[in-house]
Amino acid sequence: MWRRAVLAVGLVVSASPLGWSQEWATKMFESTSHNFGSVARGAKAEYEFVFKNIYVEDVHVASVRTSCGCTTPVIKTPSLKTYQKGAILAIFNTPKFTGQRGATLTVTFDKPFYAEVQLQVSGYIRGDVVLDPGSAEFGSLDQGVSVERTIAISYAGRDDWGIVDVKSANPHLTGKVVETNRGNGQVSYKLTVRIDEHAPVGYVDDHLVLVTNDQSSTEIPVPVEGIVQAGVMVSPTSLFMGVVRPGQKVTKQVVVKGNKPFRIVSVDCDSKDFHVDTSAEKNAKELHLIPVTFVAGKEPGKISKTIRIETDFGETSPVLSAYAVVAGQ
């Protein structure tokens, strides 16, 4: 009964059952529409509609359907507990379609109540410019190392069409184009995309912009993806211990992984509520499994702390955010 009562606090009750269900579900989404703008044919064009479970009850996505084959929806996280985030991935099918396109993605929830949320996607897929491959995908790369990828760019149309510049808002991401062919209305370029050795640790989800002499559409985005990995990483970086009762004890495990053997020297946490046990992880190895224990106090509310793990790797210490919600009596 308490769980149901808490959920009800977060819902604005409508006179219409449909309006009520739509409202509680829609409130979880950070956005409900996205315009891809003008993109090249074959370019990778994806967008995540992120949503967060702001309720005590578990949330479950039953299905998602699209109104147009130009966009493929994917449920990335069907089930969410309190404060967890999920996403509906919208894939704009640029290899198969051209011209102005749009789709409505209908997301159906079946827990804790039935609801439908509609997400809007739109964009213009150029038929005269083709990227192969559709993005610069770097995968995992070590911090401190410069890496390059190449993309072939093909154009069909005007004899004088050309790329005049490559722009980047990221100081660690650059691009350079070299013309490889021109004639009979066909123009080809090779684009070299580079992530430099000073790129910070974390995900690279960015793009370069090709500036052309085309007056109708001067800019063409080129997606760039990858992850710059530190020597030592902790997973997950955000650990939710759950909704617990006062005095309840919960233990969950985190993984600390390196690209070479290392030792855990110490753990720093400015809270008596969280305890990290490293007693079984004294030897040098590439992967350490560390239990984190939370003991709930008497005061209700959200408890959030930062845990810093020091190693002998000689790099920045990995940081873990741990949090829990203590329920009221």
C-alpha atoms as a PDB file:
ATOM      1  CA  MET A   1       0.000   0.000   0.000  1.00  0.00           C
ATOM      2  CA  TRP A   2       2.843   2.406   0.855  1.00  0.00           C
ATOM      3  CA  ARG A   3       4.450   1.923  -2.562  1.00  0.00           C
ATOM      4  CA  ARG A   4       1.165   2.674  -4.325  1.00  0.00           C
ATOM      5  CA  ALA A   5       0.630   5.741  -2.182  1.00  0.00           C
ATOM      6  CA  VAL A   6       4.050   7.165  -2.983  1.00  0.00           C
ATOM      7  CA  LEU A   7       3.509   6.658  -6.698  1.00  0.00           C
ATOM      8  CA  ALA A   8       0.183   8.468  -6.506  1.00  0.00           C
ATOM      9  CA  VAL A   9       1.914  11.551  -5.115  1.00  0.00           C
ATOM     10  CA  GLY A  10       3.922  11.879  -8.345  1.00  0.00           C
ATOM     11  CA  LEU A  11       0.874  11.676 -10.609  1.00  0.00           C
ATOM     12  CA  VAL A  12      -1.489  14.485 -11.520  1.00  0.00           C
ATOM     13  CA  VAL A  13      -4.915  12.870 -11.568  1.00  0.00           C
ATOM     14  CA  SER A  14      -7.034  13.792 -14.565  1.00  0.00           C
ATOM     15  CA  ALA A  15     -10.747  13.443 -14.955  1.00  0.00           C
ATOM     16  CA  SER A  16     -10.001  11.346 -18.008  1.00  0.00           C
ATOM     17  CA  PRO A  17      -8.235   7.969 -17.435  1.00  0.00           C
ATOM     18  CA  LEU A  18      -6.479   8.378 -20.805  1.00  0.00           C
ATOM     19  CA  GLY A  19      -5.198  11.860 -19.931  1.00  0.00           C
ATOM     20  CA  TRP A  20      -3.965  10.587 -16.571  1.00  0.00           C
ATOM     21  CA  SER A  21      -2.040   7.687 -18.099  1.00  0.00           C
ATOM     22  CA  GLN A  22      -0.517   9.844 -20.817  1.00  0.00           C
ATOM     23  CA  GLU A  23       0.641  12.461 -18.352  1.00  0.00           C
ATOM     24  CA  TRP A  24       2.544  10.250 -15.901  1.00  0.00           C
ATOM     25  CA  ALA A  25       4.408   8.513 -18.744  1.00  0.00           C
ATOM     26  CA  THR A  26       5.188  11.626 -20.785  1.00  0.00           C
ATOM     27  CA  LYS A  27       6.678  13.346 -17.710  1.00  0.00           C
ATOM     28  CA  MET A  28       9.508  10.783 -17.677  1.00  0.00           C
ATOM     29  CA  PHE A  29      10.884  11.820 -21.103  1.00  0.00           C
ATOM     30  CA  GLU A  30      13.556  14.496 -21.495  1.00  0.00           C
ATOM     31  CA  SER A  31      12.236  15.261 -24.996  1.00  0.00           C
ATOM     32  CA  THR A  32       9.507  13.947 -27.286  1.00  0.00           C
ATOM     33  CA  SER A  33      10.683  15.223 -30.692  1.00  0.00           C
ATOM     34  CA  HIS A  34      13.898  15.371 -32.730  1.00  0.00           C
ATOM     35  CA  ASN A  35      14.835  16.828 -36.114  1.00  0.00           C
ATOM     36  CA  PHE A  36      17.913  15.272 -37.748  1.00  0.00           C
ATOM     37  CA  GLY A  37      18.171  18.200 -40.137  1.00  0.00           C
ATOM     38  CA  SER A  38      19.829  17.558 -43.505  1.00  0.00           C
ATOM     39  CA  VAL A  39      21.913  14.355 -43.583  1.00  0.00           C
ATOM     40  CA  ALA A  40      23.816  12.507 -46.295  1.00  0.00           C
ATOM     41  CA  ARG A  41      22.562   9.251 -47.718  1.00  0.00           C
ATOM     42  CA  GLY A  42      24.099   6.329 -45.852  1.00  0.00           C
ATOM     43  CA  ALA A  43      25.083   8.530 -42.903  1.00  0.00           C
ATOM     44  CA  LYS A  44      24.512   7.096 -39.452  1.00  0.00           C
ATOM     45  CA  ALA A  45      21.663   9.100 -37.919  1.00  0.00           C
ATOM     46  CA  GLU A  46      20.448   7.947 -34.516  1.00  0.00           C
ATOM     47  CA  TYR A  47      18.834   9.684 -31.565  1.00  0.00           C
ATOM     48  CA  GLU A  48      18.051   8.448 -28.057  1.00  0.00           C
ATOM     49  CA  PHE A  49      14.801   9.585 -26.451  1.00  0.00           C
ATOM     50  CA  VAL A  50      15.928   9.319 -22.819  1.00  0.00           C
ATOM     51  CA  PHE A  51      13.420   8.760 -20.042  1.00  0.00           C
ATOM     52  CA  LYS A  52      13.806   8.332 -16.268  1.00  0.00           C
ATOM     53  CA  ASN A  53      11.656   6.431 -13.793  1.00  0.00           C
ATOM     54  CA  ILE A  54      10.742   9.170 -11.307  1.00  0.00           C
ATOM     55  CA  TYR A  55       8.365   6.877  -9.413  1.00  0.00           C
ATOM     56  CA  VAL A  56       8.719   4.228  -6.702  1.00  0.00           C
ATOM     57  CA  GLU A  57       6.955   1.571  -8.786  1.00  0.00           C
ATOM     58  CA  ASP A  58       8.875  -0.312 -11.498  1.00  0.00           C
ATOM     59  CA  VAL A  59       8.253   0.908 -15.048  1.00  0.00           C
ATOM     60  CA  HIS A  60       8.107  -1.439 -18.049  1.00  0.00           C
ATOM     61  CA  VAL A  61       7.991  -0.688 -21.792  1.00  0.00           C
ATOM     62  CA  ALA A  62       5.855  -3.305 -23.512  1.00  0.00           C
ATOM     63  CA  SER A  63       6.442  -2.243 -27.135  1.00  0.00           C
ATOM     64  CA  VAL A  64       7.202   0.566 -29.570  1.00  0.00           C
ATOM     65  CA  ARG A  65       5.882   0.926 -33.118  1.00  0.00           C
ATOM     66  CA  THR A  66       6.656   3.323 -35.971  1.00  0.00           C
ATOM     67  CA  SER A  67       4.395   5.010 -38.479  1.00  0.00           C
ATOM     68  CA  CYS A  68       7.076   5.000 -41.225  1.00  0.00           C
ATOM     69  CA  GLY A  69       9.769   2.585 -42.384  1.00  0.00           C
ATOM     70  CA  CYS A  70      12.144   5.534 -42.620  1.00  0.00           C
ATOM     71  CA  THR A  71      12.688   5.230 -38.853  1.00  0.00           C
ATOM     72  CA  THR A  72      13.351   2.066 -36.847  1.00  0.00           C
ATOM     73  CA  PRO A  73      12.708   2.236 -33.087  1.00  0.00           C
ATOM     74  CA  VAL A  74      14.617   0.115 -30.556  1.00  0.00           C
ATOM     75  CA  ILE A  75      13.831  -0.304 -26.854  1.00  0.00           C
ATOM     76  CA  LYS A  76      17.202  -0.045 -25.132  1.00  0.00           C
ATOM     77  CA  THR A  77      15.993  -0.579 -21.545  1.00  0.00           C
ATOM     78  CA  PRO A  78      12.542  -2.153 -21.198  1.00  0.00           C
ATOM     79  CA  SER A  79      12.437  -2.293 -17.360  1.00  0.00           C
ATOM     80  CA  LEU A  80      13.406   0.508 -14.989  1.00  0.00           C
ATOM     81  CA  LYS A  81      13.507   0.728 -11.214  1.00  0.00           C
ATOM     82  CA  THR A  82      13.340   4.010  -9.294  1.00  0.00           C
ATOM     83  CA  TYR A  83      15.738   6.690 -10.641  1.00  0.00           C
ATOM     84  CA  GLN A  84      17.026   4.413 -13.404  1.00  0.00           C
ATOM     85  CA  LYS A  85      17.227   5.790 -16.948  1.00  0.00           C
ATOM     86  CA  GLY A  86      16.290   4.120 -20.209  1.00  0.00           C
ATOM     87  CA  ALA A  87      15.987   5.140 -23.829  1.00  0.00           C
ATOM     88  CA  ILE A  88      14.074   4.584 -27.049  1.00  0.00           C
ATOM     89  CA  LEU A  89      16.592   4.616 -29.901  1.00  0.00           C
ATOM     90  CA  ALA A  90      15.347   6.139 -33.173  1.00  0.00           C
ATOM     91  CA  ILE A  91      17.353   4.982 -36.211  1.00  0.00           C
ATOM     92  CA  PHE A  92      16.857   7.165 -39.298  1.00  0.00           C
ATOM     93  CA  ASN A  93      17.150   4.764 -42.246  1.00  0.00           C
ATOM     94  CA  THR A  94      19.308   6.935 -44.519  1.00  0.00           C
ATOM     95  CA  PRO A  95      20.591   4.069 -46.746  1.00  0.00           C
ATOM     96  CA  LYS A  96      17.054   3.179 -47.890  1.00  0.00           C
ATOM     97  CA  PHE A  97      15.200   6.510 -48.088  1.00  0.00           C
ATOM     98  CA  THR A  98      15.725   9.998 -49.507  1.00  0.00           C
ATOM     99  CA  GLY A  99      13.929  13.314 -49.274  1.00  0.00           C
ATOM    100  CA  GLN A 100      11.938  14.817 -46.417  1.00  0.00           C
ATOM    101  CA  ARG A 101      10.881  12.090 -43.989  1.00  0.00           C
ATOM    102  CA  GLY A 102       9.103  11.894 -40.671  1.00  0.00           C
ATOM    103  CA  ALA A 103       7.728   9.290 -38.294  1.00  0.00           C
ATOM    104  CA  THR A 104       5.695   8.952 -35.115  1.00  0.00           C
ATOM    105  CA  LEU A 105       7.037   6.420 -32.619  1.00  0.00           C
ATOM    106  CA  THR A 106       4.371   5.154 -30.233  1.00  0.00           C
ATOM    107  CA  VAL A 107       5.810   3.821 -26.969  1.00  0.00           C
ATOM    108  CA  THR A 108       3.486   1.560 -24.962  1.00  0.00           C
ATOM    109  CA  PHE A 109       3.951   1.094 -21.204  1.00  0.00           C
ATOM    110  CA  ASP A 110       2.193  -1.736 -19.356  1.00  0.00           C
ATOM    111  CA  LYS A 111       3.610  -1.139 -15.842  1.00  0.00           C
ATOM    112  CA  PRO A 112       2.779   0.302 -13.394  1.00  0.00           C
ATOM    113  CA  PHE A 113      -0.198   1.412 -15.511  1.00  0.00           C
ATOM    114  CA  TYR A 114      -1.045   1.325 -19.196  1.00  0.00           C
ATOM    115  CA  ALA A 115       0.061   4.391 -21.162  1.00  0.00           C
ATOM    116  CA  GLU A 116       1.147   5.468 -24.637  1.00  0.00           C
ATOM    117  CA  VAL A 117       3.650   8.212 -25.446  1.00  0.00           C
ATOM    118  CA  GLN A 118       4.189   9.509 -28.992  1.00  0.00           C
ATOM    119  CA  LEU A 119       7.658  10.617 -30.104  1.00  0.00           C
ATOM    120  CA  GLN A 120       8.185  12.633 -33.299  1.00  0.00           C
ATOM    121  CA  VAL A 121      11.168  12.219 -35.679  1.00  0.00           C
ATOM    122  CA  SER A 122      11.878  14.211 -38.849  1.00  0.00           C
ATOM    123  CA  GLY A 123      14.706  15.066 -41.238  1.00  0.00           C
ATOM    124  CA  TYR A 124      15.831  15.465 -44.837  1.00  0.00           C
ATOM    125  CA  ILE A 125      17.927  12.675 -46.418  1.00  0.00           C
ATOM    126  CA  ARG A 126      20.022  13.924 -49.337  1.00  0.00           C
ATOM    127  CA  GLY A 127      20.167  11.729 -52.427  1.00  0.00           C
ATOM    128  CA  ASP A 128      23.177  13.426 -54.002  1.00  0.00           C
ATOM    129  CA  VAL A 129      25.748  12.954 -51.208  1.00  0.00           C
ATOM    130  CA  VAL A 130      26.722   9.500 -49.904  1.00  0.00           C
ATOM    131  CA  LEU A 131      28.985   8.590 -46.944  1.00  0.00           C
ATOM    132  CA  ASP A 132      30.718   5.191 -46.814  1.00  0.00           C
ATOM    133  CA  PRO A 133      30.809   4.137 -44.022  1.00  0.00           C
ATOM    134  CA  GLY A 134      28.050   6.240 -42.537  1.00  0.00           C
ATOM    135  CA  SER A 135      30.068   7.375 -39.515  1.00  0.00           C
ATOM    136  CA  ALA A 136      33.571   7.430 -38.062  1.00  0.00           C
ATOM    137  CA  GLU A 137      33.404   4.660 -35.475  1.00  0.00           C
ATOM    138  CA  PHE A 138      36.504   4.378 -33.286  1.00  0.00           C
ATOM    139  CA  GLY A 139      35.286   1.769 -30.810  1.00  0.00           C
ATOM    140  CA  SER A 140      37.472   1.637 -27.685  1.00  0.00           C
ATOM    141  CA  LEU A 141      40.774   3.509 -27.686  1.00  0.00           C
ATOM    142  CA  ASP A 142      43.337   4.110 -24.967  1.00  0.00           C
ATOM    143  CA  GLN A 143      43.822   7.582 -23.558  1.00  0.00           C
ATOM    144  CA  GLY A 144      47.018   9.247 -24.778  1.00  0.00           C
ATOM    145  CA  VAL A 145      46.952   7.682 -28.253  1.00  0.00           C
ATOM    146  CA  SER A 146      45.981   9.448 -31.504  1.00  0.00           C
ATOM    147  CA  VAL A 147      43.731   7.401 -33.825  1.00  0.00           C
ATOM    148  CA  GLU A 148      42.386   8.013 -37.350  1.00  0.00           C
ATOM    149  CA  ARG A 149      39.494   6.687 -39.437  1.00  0.00           C
ATOM    150  CA  THR A 150      38.639   7.343 -43.106  1.00  0.00           C
ATOM    151  CA  ILE A 151      35.303   7.861 -44.854  1.00  0.00           C
ATOM    152  CA  ALA A 152      34.625   7.942 -48.604  1.00  0.00           C
ATOM    153  CA  ILE A 153      32.378  10.801 -49.756  1.00  0.00           C
ATOM    154  CA  SER A 154      30.614  10.633 -53.133  1.00  0.00           C
ATOM    155  CA  TYR A 155      28.588  13.349 -54.856  1.00  0.00           C
ATOM    156  CA  ALA A 156      26.492  13.249 -58.026  1.00  0.00           C
ATOM    157  CA  GLY A 157      25.207  16.450 -59.613  1.00  0.00           C
ATOM    158  CA  ARG A 158      27.028  19.673 -60.473  1.00  0.00           C
ATOM    159  CA  ASP A 159      30.520  19.594 -61.963  1.00  0.00           C
ATOM    160  CA  ASP A 160      31.685  22.451 -59.716  1.00  0.00           C
ATOM    161  CA  TRP A 161      30.416  21.024 -56.410  1.00  0.00           C
ATOM    162  CA  GLY A 162      33.043  20.879 -53.673  1.00  0.00           C
ATOM    163  CA  ILE A 163      33.855  20.685 -49.970  1.00  0.00           C
ATOM    164  CA  VAL A 164      35.498  23.932 -48.871  1.00  0.00           C
ATOM    165  CA  ASP A 165      36.037  23.296 -45.153  1.00  0.00           C
ATOM    166  CA  VAL A 166      35.676  20.816 -42.292  1.00  0.00           C
ATOM    167  CA  LYS A 167      34.478  22.250 -38.975  1.00  0.00           C
ATOM    168  CA  SER A 168      34.607  20.776 -35.477  1.00  0.00           C
ATOM    169  CA  ALA A 169      33.410  22.151 -32.135  1.00  0.00           C
ATOM    170  CA  ASN A 170      35.577  19.591 -30.322  1.00  0.00           C
ATOM    171  CA  PRO A 171      39.251  20.650 -29.963  1.00  0.00           C
ATOM    172  CA  HIS A 172      40.337  16.991 -29.867  1.00  0.00           C
ATOM    173  CA  LEU A 173      38.449  16.041 -33.055  1.00  0.00           C
ATOM    174  CA  THR A 174      39.616  17.125 -36.512  1.00  0.00           C
ATOM    175  CA  GLY A 175      38.940  16.236 -40.132  1.00  0.00           C
ATOM    176  CA  LYS A 176      40.780  16.640 -43.419  1.00  0.00           C
ATOM    177  CA  VAL A 177      39.406  16.057 -46.927  1.00  0.00           C
ATOM    178  CA  VAL A 178      41.326  15.177 -50.082  1.00  0.00           C
ATOM    179  CA  GLU A 179      39.651  15.178 -53.498  1.00  0.00           C
ATOM    180  CA  THR A 180      40.143  11.820 -55.239  1.00  0.00           C
ATOM    181  CA  ASN A 181      38.016  12.164 -58.393  1.00  0.00           C
ATOM    182  CA  ARG A 182      36.075  14.717 -60.456  1.00  0.00           C
ATOM    183  CA  GLY A 183      34.310  14.412 -63.803  1.00  0.00           C
ATOM    184  CA  ASN A 184      30.935  14.057 -65.534  1.00  0.00           C
ATOM    185  CA  GLY A 185      29.090  15.398 -62.524  1.00  0.00           C
ATOM    186  CA  GLN A 186      30.743  12.903 -60.182  1.00  0.00           C
ATOM    187  CA  VAL A 187      32.949  14.128 -57.303  1.00  0.00           C
ATOM    188  CA  SER A 188      34.745  11.994 -54.696  1.00  0.00           C
ATOM    189  CA  TYR A 189      36.626  12.834 -51.516  1.00  0.00           C
ATOM    190  CA  LYS A 190      38.454  10.947 -48.807  1.00  0.00           C
ATOM    191  CA  LEU A 191      37.761  12.290 -45.307  1.00  0.00           C
ATOM    192  CA  THR A 192      40.304  11.504 -42.578  1.00  0.00           C
ATOM    193  CA  VAL A 193      38.875  11.840 -39.059  1.00  0.00           C
ATOM    194  CA  ARG A 194      41.322  12.109 -36.160  1.00  0.00           C
ATOM    195  CA  ILE A 195      40.918  11.948 -32.379  1.00  0.00           C
ATOM    196  CA  ASP A 196      44.082  13.308 -30.792  1.00  0.00           C
ATOM    197  CA  GLU A 197      46.085  11.979 -27.850  1.00  0.00           C
ATOM    198  CA  HIS A 198      44.747  14.660 -25.494  1.00  0.00           C
ATOM    199  CA  ALA A 199      41.099  13.566 -25.705  1.00  0.00           C
ATOM    200  CA  PRO A 200      39.628  13.138 -22.199  1.00  0.00           C
ATOM    201  CA  VAL A 201      38.333   9.857 -20.843  1.00  0.00           C
ATOM    202  CA  GLY A 202      34.705   9.139 -21.711  1.00  0.00           C
ATOM    203  CA  TYR A 203      32.321   8.633 -24.617  1.00  0.00           C
ATOM    204  CA  VAL A 204      32.823  10.453 -27.890  1.00  0.00           C
ATOM    205  CA  ASP A 205      29.395  11.139 -29.380  1.00  0.00           C
ATOM    206  CA  ASP A 206      30.084  14.057 -31.675  1.00  0.00           C
ATOM    207  CA  HIS A 207      30.216  15.090 -35.318  1.00  0.00           C
ATOM    208  CA  LEU A 208      32.227  16.973 -37.898  1.00  0.00           C
ATOM    209  CA  VAL A 209      30.560  19.384 -40.309  1.00  0.00           C
ATOM    210  CA  LEU A 210      31.460  19.350 -44.004  1.00  0.00           C
ATOM    211  CA  VAL A 211      31.060  22.849 -45.436  1.00  0.00           C
ATOM    212  CA  THR A 212      30.234  22.813 -49.161  1.00  0.00           C
ATOM    213  CA  ASN A 213      29.692  25.407 -51.897  1.00  0.00           C
ATOM    214  CA  ASP A 214      26.125  24.165 -52.287  1.00  0.00           C
ATOM    215  CA  GLN A 215      23.922  27.213 -51.704  1.00  0.00           C
ATOM    216  CA  SER A 216      20.800  25.209 -50.909  1.00  0.00           C
ATOM    217  CA  SER A 217      22.421  23.097 -48.176  1.00  0.00           C
ATOM    218  CA  THR A 218      25.909  24.196 -47.222  1.00  0.00           C
ATOM    219  CA  GLU A 219      26.575  21.865 -44.277  1.00  0.00           C
ATOM    220  CA  ILE A 220      26.660  18.070 -43.996  1.00  0.00           C
ATOM    221  CA  PRO A 221      27.139  16.417 -40.566  1.00  0.00           C
ATOM    222  CA  VAL A 222      29.448  13.403 -40.184  1.00  0.00           C
ATOM    223  CA  PRO A 223      28.835  11.387 -36.971  1.00  0.00           C
ATOM    224  CA  VAL A 224      31.844  10.390 -34.845  1.00  0.00           C
ATOM    225  CA  GLU A 225      31.611   7.760 -32.098  1.00  0.00           C
ATOM    226  CA  GLY A 226      33.963   6.033 -29.707  1.00  0.00           C
ATOM    227  CA  ILE A 227      35.066   5.715 -26.116  1.00  0.00           C
ATOM    228  CA  VAL A 228      38.360   6.905 -24.686  1.00  0.00           C
ATOM    229  CA  GLN A 229      39.295   4.520 -21.890  1.00  0.00           C
ATOM    230  CA  ALA A 230      41.473   5.249 -18.883  1.00  0.00           C
ATOM    231  CA  GLY A 231      44.031   2.756 -17.629  1.00  0.00           C
ATOM    232  CA  VAL A 232      41.643   1.799 -14.816  1.00  0.00           C
ATOM    233  CA  MET A 233      37.826   1.974 -14.974  1.00  0.00           C
ATOM    234  CA  VAL A 234      34.998   1.205 -12.566  1.00  0.00           C
ATOM    235  CA  SER A 235      31.657  -0.250 -13.632  1.00  0.00           C
ATOM    236  CA  PRO A 236      29.002   0.840 -13.027  1.00  0.00           C
ATOM    237  CA  THR A 237      30.034   4.426 -12.436  1.00  0.00           C
ATOM    238  CA  SER A 238      26.676   5.088 -10.747  1.00  0.00           C
ATOM    239  CA  LEU A 239      25.513   2.442  -8.275  1.00  0.00           C
ATOM    240  CA  PHE A 240      21.892   2.525  -7.041  1.00  0.00           C
ATOM    241  CA  MET A 241      21.440   0.448  -3.863  1.00  0.00           C
ATOM    242  CA  GLY A 242      17.640   0.559  -4.074  1.00  0.00           C
ATOM    243  CA  VAL A 243      14.734   1.793  -1.968  1.00  0.00           C
ATOM    244  CA  VAL A 244      15.415   0.389   1.523  1.00  0.00           C
ATOM    245  CA  ARG A 245      13.883   0.472   4.984  1.00  0.00           C
ATOM    246  CA  PRO A 246      15.645   2.072   7.968  1.00  0.00           C
ATOM    247  CA  GLY A 247      18.273  -0.316   9.295  1.00  0.00           C
ATOM    248  CA  GLN A 248      18.218  -2.494   6.158  1.00  0.00           C
ATOM    249  CA  LYS A 249      21.566  -3.695   4.799  1.00  0.00           C
ATOM    250  CA  VAL A 250      22.193  -4.011   1.042  1.00  0.00           C
ATOM    251  CA  THR A 251      25.359  -5.199  -0.720  1.00  0.00           C
ATOM    252  CA  LYS A 252      26.135  -4.851  -4.419  1.00  0.00           C
ATOM    253  CA  GLN A 253      29.285  -5.542  -6.417  1.00  0.00           C
ATOM    254  CA  VAL A 254      31.304  -3.235  -8.652  1.00  0.00           C
ATOM    255  CA  VAL A 255      34.007  -4.120 -11.168  1.00  0.00           C
ATOM    256  CA  VAL A 256      37.337  -2.283 -11.297  1.00  0.00           C
ATOM    257  CA  LYS A 257      39.196  -3.150 -14.514  1.00  0.00           C
ATOM    258  CA  GLY A 258      42.532  -2.122 -16.016  1.00  0.00           C
ATOM    259  CA  ASN A 259      44.439  -2.798 -19.230  1.00  0.00           C
ATOM    260  CA  LYS A 260      47.284  -4.282 -17.177  1.00  0.00           C
ATOM    261  CA  PRO A 261      47.573  -5.815 -13.660  1.00  0.00           C
ATOM    262  CA  PHE A 262      47.246  -3.325 -10.778  1.00  0.00           C
ATOM    263  CA  ARG A 263      46.644  -3.209  -7.023  1.00  0.00           C
ATOM    264  CA  ILE A 264      43.969  -1.361  -5.081  1.00  0.00           C
ATOM    265  CA  VAL A 265      45.772   0.847  -2.568  1.00  0.00           C
ATOM    266  CA  SER A 266      42.870   2.474  -0.707  1.00  0.00           C
ATOM    267  CA  VAL A 267      39.234   3.514  -0.872  1.00  0.00           C
ATOM    268  CA  ASP A 268      38.000   6.945   0.202  1.00  0.00           C
ATOM    269  CA  CYS A 269      34.337   7.507   1.131  1.00  0.00           C
ATOM    270  CA  ASP A 270      33.144  10.292   3.423  1.00  0.00           C
ATOM    271  CA  SER A 271      30.131   8.386   4.721  1.00  0.00           C
ATOM    272  CA  LYS A 272      29.563   5.787   7.407  1.00  0.00           C
ATOM    273  CA  ASP A 273      26.491   4.572   5.494  1.00  0.00           C
ATOM    274  CA  PHE A 274      28.608   3.053   2.696  1.00  0.00           C
ATOM    275  CA  HIS A 275      31.360   0.495   3.279  1.00  0.00           C
ATOM    276  CA  VAL A 276      33.714  -0.834   0.599  1.00  0.00           C
ATOM    277  CA  ASP A 277      35.522  -4.106   1.328  1.00  0.00           C
ATOM    278  CA  THR A 278      38.819  -4.582  -0.531  1.00  0.00           C
ATOM    279  CA  SER A 279      40.305  -7.171   1.863  1.00  0.00           C
ATOM    280  CA  ALA A 280      40.055  -9.959  -0.733  1.00  0.00           C
ATOM    281  CA  GLU A 281      41.652  -7.874  -3.505  1.00  0.00           C
ATOM    282  CA  LYS A 282      45.281  -7.490  -2.373  1.00  0.00           C
ATOM    283  CA  ASN A 283      47.005  -9.070  -5.376  1.00  0.00           C
ATOM    284  CA  ALA A 284      47.808  -7.292  -8.635  1.00  0.00           C
ATOM    285  CA  LYS A 285      45.422  -8.291 -11.433  1.00  0.00           C
ATOM    286  CA  GLU A 286      43.519  -6.757 -14.332  1.00  0.00           C
ATOM    287  CA  LEU A 287      40.041  -7.192 -12.805  1.00  0.00           C
ATOM    288  CA  HIS A 288      38.890  -6.671  -9.218  1.00  0.00           C
ATOM    289  CA  LEU A 289      35.407  -7.440  -7.852  1.00  0.00           C
ATOM    290  CA  ILE A 290      34.584  -5.183  -4.908  1.00  0.00           C
ATOM    291  CA  PRO A 291      31.465  -5.399  -2.694  1.00  0.00           C
ATOM    292  CA  VAL A 292      29.842  -2.118  -1.646  1.00  0.00           C
ATOM    293  CA  THR A 293      27.531  -2.297   1.386  1.00  0.00           C
ATOM    294  CA  PHE A 294      24.923   0.284   2.395  1.00  0.00           C
ATOM    295  CA  VAL A 295      23.284   0.323   5.823  1.00  0.00           C
ATOM    296  CA  ALA A 296      20.238   2.585   5.941  1.00  0.00           C
ATOM    297  CA  GLY A 297      19.967   5.092   8.762  1.00  0.00           C
ATOM    298  CA  LYS A 298      16.798   6.255  10.487  1.00  0.00           C
ATOM    299  CA  GLU A 299      16.255   9.434   8.456  1.00  0.00           C
ATOM    300  CA  PRO A 300      14.202   8.999   5.255  1.00  0.00           C
ATOM    301  CA  GLY A 301      15.329  10.476   1.957  1.00  0.00           C
ATOM    302  CA  LYS A 302      17.984  10.083  -0.725  1.00  0.00           C
ATOM    303  CA  ILE A 303      21.568   9.351   0.345  1.00  0.00           C
ATOM    304  CA  SER A 304      24.226  10.069  -2.306  1.00  0.00           C
ATOM    305  CA  LYS A 305      27.989   9.744  -1.833  1.00  0.00           C
ATOM    306  CA  THR A 306      31.153   9.621  -3.928  1.00  0.00           C
ATOM    307  CA  ILE A 307      33.610   6.750  -3.543  1.00  0.00           C
ATOM    308  CA  ARG A 308      37.158   7.221  -4.848  1.00  0.00           C
ATOM    309  CA  ILE A 309      39.313   4.131  -5.479  1.00  0.00           C
ATOM    310  CA  GLU A 310      43.070   4.681  -5.415  1.00  0.00           C
ATOM    311  CA  THR A 311      45.286   2.219  -7.309  1.00  0.00           C
ATOM    312  CA  ASP A 312      49.005   1.802  -7.987  1.00  0.00           C
ATOM    313  CA  PHE A 313      48.423   2.370 -11.701  1.00  0.00           C
ATOM    314  CA  GLY A 314      49.737   5.933 -11.502  1.00  0.00           C
ATOM    315  CA  GLU A 315      46.706   7.566 -13.140  1.00  0.00           C
ATOM    316  CA  THR A 316      43.583   9.403 -12.037  1.00  0.00           C
ATOM    317  CA  SER A 317      41.674   7.403  -9.435  1.00  0.00           C
ATOM    318  CA  PRO A 318      38.373   5.956 -10.676  1.00  0.00           C
ATOM    319  CA  VAL A 319      35.290   7.484  -9.040  1.00  0.00           C
ATOM    320  CA  LEU A 320      32.036   5.724  -8.168  1.00  0.00           C
ATOM    321  CA  SER A 321      28.761   7.480  -7.305  1.00  0.00           C
ATOM    322  CA  ALA A 322      26.695   5.405  -4.882  1.00  0.00           C
ATOM    323  CA  TYR A 323      23.186   6.316  -3.765  1.00  0.00           C
ATOM    324  CA  ALA A 324      20.095   4.891  -2.097  1.00  0.00           C
ATOM    325  CA  VAL A 325      16.615   5.973  -1.008  1.00  0.00           C
ATOM    326  CA  VAL A 326      15.619   5.385   2.614  1.00  0.00           C
ATOM    327  CA  ALA A 327      11.868   4.917   2.883  1.00  0.00           C
ATOM    328  CA  GLY A 328       9.794   6.596   5.583  1.00  0.00           C
ATOM    329  CA  GLN A 329       8.359   4.658   8.483  1.00  0.00           C
END
